[in-house]
C-alpha atoms as a PDB file:
ATOM      1  CA  MET A   1       0.467  98.062 215.947  1.00  0.00           C
ATOM      2  CA  VAL A   2      -3.449  97.020 217.721  1.00  0.00           C
ATOM      3  CA  GLU A   3      -4.087  94.637 214.140  1.00  0.00           C
ATOM      4  CA  LEU A   4      -1.121  92.654 215.309  1.00  0.00           C
ATOM      5  CA  VAL A   5      -1.418  92.092 218.454  1.00  0.00           C
ATOM      6  CA  LYS A   6      -4.534  91.198 218.040  1.00  0.00           C
ATOM      7  CA  TYR A   7      -3.837  88.420 215.117  1.00  0.00           C
ATOM      8  CA  MET A   8      -1.521  86.598 217.613  1.00  0.00           C
ATOM      9  CA  ILE A   9      -4.183  87.078 219.864  1.00  0.00           C
ATOM     10  CA  ASP A  10      -6.865  85.292 218.274  1.00  0.00           C
ATOM     11  CA  ASP A  11      -4.421  82.796 217.113  1.00  0.00           C
ATOM     12  CA  LEU A  12      -4.002  81.755 220.797  1.00  0.00           C
ATOM     13  CA  VAL A  13      -7.476  81.888 222.250  1.00  0.00           C
ATOM     14  CA  GLU A  14     -10.336  79.364 222.317  1.00  0.00           C
ATOM     15  CA  ASP A  15     -12.721  82.136 222.739  1.00  0.00           C
ATOM     16  CA  LYS A  16     -11.844  84.833 220.201  1.00  0.00           C
ATOM     17  CA  SER A  17     -15.132  87.119 221.225  1.00  0.00           C
ATOM     18  CA  ALA A  18     -14.138  87.943 224.969  1.00  0.00           C
ATOM     19  CA  VAL A  19     -10.792  89.177 222.623  1.00  0.00           C
ATOM     20  CA  GLU A  20     -10.498  93.219 223.655  1.00  0.00           C
ATOM     21  CA  VAL A  21      -7.332  94.061 222.002  1.00  0.00           C
ATOM     22  CA  LYS A  22      -7.459  98.672 222.354  1.00  0.00           C
ATOM     23  CA  LEU A  23      -4.751 101.750 222.770  1.00  0.00           C
ATOM     24  CA  ALA A  24      -4.655 103.241 225.652  1.00  0.00           C
ATOM     25  CA  GLU A  25      -5.086 106.513 226.431  1.00  0.00           C
ATOM     26  CA  ASP A  26      -1.280 107.068 226.172  1.00  0.00           C
ATOM     27  CA  GLY A  27      -0.730 105.953 223.170  1.00  0.00           C
ATOM     28  CA  GLU A  28       2.156 103.412 224.287  1.00  0.00           C
ATOM     29  CA  THR A  29       0.419 100.499 225.491  1.00  0.00           C
ATOM     30  CA  VAL A  30      -1.877  97.877 223.926  1.00  0.00           C
ATOM     31  CA  THR A  31      -4.284  96.510 226.709  1.00  0.00           C
ATOM     32  CA  VAL A  32      -5.524  92.412 225.993  1.00  0.00           C
ATOM     33  CA  LYS A  33      -8.725  91.251 227.920  1.00  0.00           C
ATOM     34  CA  VAL A  34      -9.041  87.499 226.978  1.00  0.00           C
ATOM     35  CA  ALA A  35     -11.879  85.169 228.808  1.00  0.00           C
ATOM     36  CA  LYS A  36     -10.732  83.857 232.098  1.00  0.00           C
ATOM     37  CA  GLY A  37     -10.135  80.354 230.942  1.00  0.00           C
ATOM     38  CA  ASP A  38      -7.602  81.649 228.078  1.00  0.00           C
ATOM     39  CA  ILE A  39      -5.592  84.462 230.267  1.00  0.00           C
ATOM     40  CA  GLY A  40      -3.296  81.079 230.955  1.00  0.00           C
ATOM     41  CA  LYS A  41      -2.785  80.272 227.712  1.00  0.00           C
ATOM     42  CA  VAL A  42      -1.775  84.089 226.621  1.00  0.00           C
ATOM     43  CA  ILE A  43       0.699  83.995 229.195  1.00  0.00           C
ATOM     44  CA  GLY A  44       2.421  81.312 228.404  1.00  0.00           C
ATOM     45  CA  LYS A  45       4.725  78.440 230.911  1.00  0.00           C
ATOM     46  CA  GLU A  46       6.490  81.334 232.696  1.00  0.00           C
ATOM     47  CA  GLY A  47       5.932  83.837 230.832  1.00  0.00           C
ATOM     48  CA  ARG A  48       6.927  82.749 227.671  1.00  0.00           C
ATOM     49  CA  ILE A  49       4.044  83.496 224.936  1.00  0.00           C
ATOM     50  CA  ILE A  50       3.864  86.750 226.822  1.00  0.00           C
ATOM     51  CA  LYS A  51       7.301  87.635 226.397  1.00  0.00           C
ATOM     52  CA  ALA A  52       7.617  86.924 223.030  1.00  0.00           C
ATOM     53  CA  ILE A  53       4.609  89.080 222.005  1.00  0.00           C
ATOM     54  CA  ARG A  54       6.235  91.710 223.560  1.00  0.00           C
ATOM     55  CA  THR A  55       9.313  91.102 221.480  1.00  0.00           C
ATOM     56  CA  ILE A  56       7.946  90.895 218.580  1.00  0.00           C
ATOM     57  CA  VAL A  57       6.113  94.480 219.015  1.00  0.00           C
ATOM     58  CA  LYS A  58       8.936  96.029 220.193  1.00  0.00           C
ATOM     59  CA  ALA A  59      10.796  95.152 217.082  1.00  0.00           C
ATOM     60  CA  ALA A  60       7.647  95.718 214.740  1.00  0.00           C
ATOM     61  CA  SER A  61       8.099  99.019 216.798  1.00  0.00           C
ATOM     62  CA  ALA A  62      11.642  99.503 216.529  1.00  0.00           C
ATOM     63  CA  ARG A  63      11.558 101.592 213.500  1.00  0.00           C
ATOM     64  CA  GLY A  64       8.669 103.938 214.685  1.00  0.00           C
ATOM     65  CA  GLU A  65       8.564 106.958 216.843  1.00  0.00           C
ATOM     66  CA  ILE A  66       6.059 105.854 219.543  1.00  0.00           C
ATOM     67  CA  LYS A  67       8.037 102.696 221.547  1.00  0.00           C
ATOM     68  CA  TYR A  68       4.897 100.093 222.629  1.00  0.00           C
ATOM     69  CA  GLN A  69       4.161  98.186 224.994  1.00  0.00           C
ATOM     70  CA  VAL A  70       1.963  95.138 225.453  1.00  0.00           C
ATOM     71  CA  SER A  71      -0.414  95.013 229.032  1.00  0.00           C
ATOM     72  CA  VAL A  72      -2.902  91.662 229.799  1.00  0.00           C
ATOM     73  CA  LEU A  73      -5.871  91.631 231.315  1.00  0.00           C
ATOM     74  CA  GLU A  74      -8.895  89.135 232.407  1.00  0.00           C
ATOM     75  CA  SER A  75     -11.843  90.264 231.538  1.00  0.00           C
ATOM     76  CA  ASP A  76     -14.961  90.433 234.036  1.00  0.00           C
ATOM     77  CA  GLU A  77     -17.214  88.483 231.692  1.00  0.00           C
ATOM     78  CA  GLU A  78     -17.401  84.804 231.780  1.00  0.00           C
END
């Protein structure tokens, strides 16, 4: 699932080196960190892009036992 989210996020942002996609310790949350300037591109107008990403992740994980969630964080780096 991490690879799917990374693929989608990489196409949205300008600073691809600041993108970090990890599976959290709970095993159900995919955490995305992007550069400060790219956070708006990932969230989108009224949250539409992140909602679409979450819908795709939900659909992709529907057949498996684990139901994944996507969380977006701002990177500490400039």
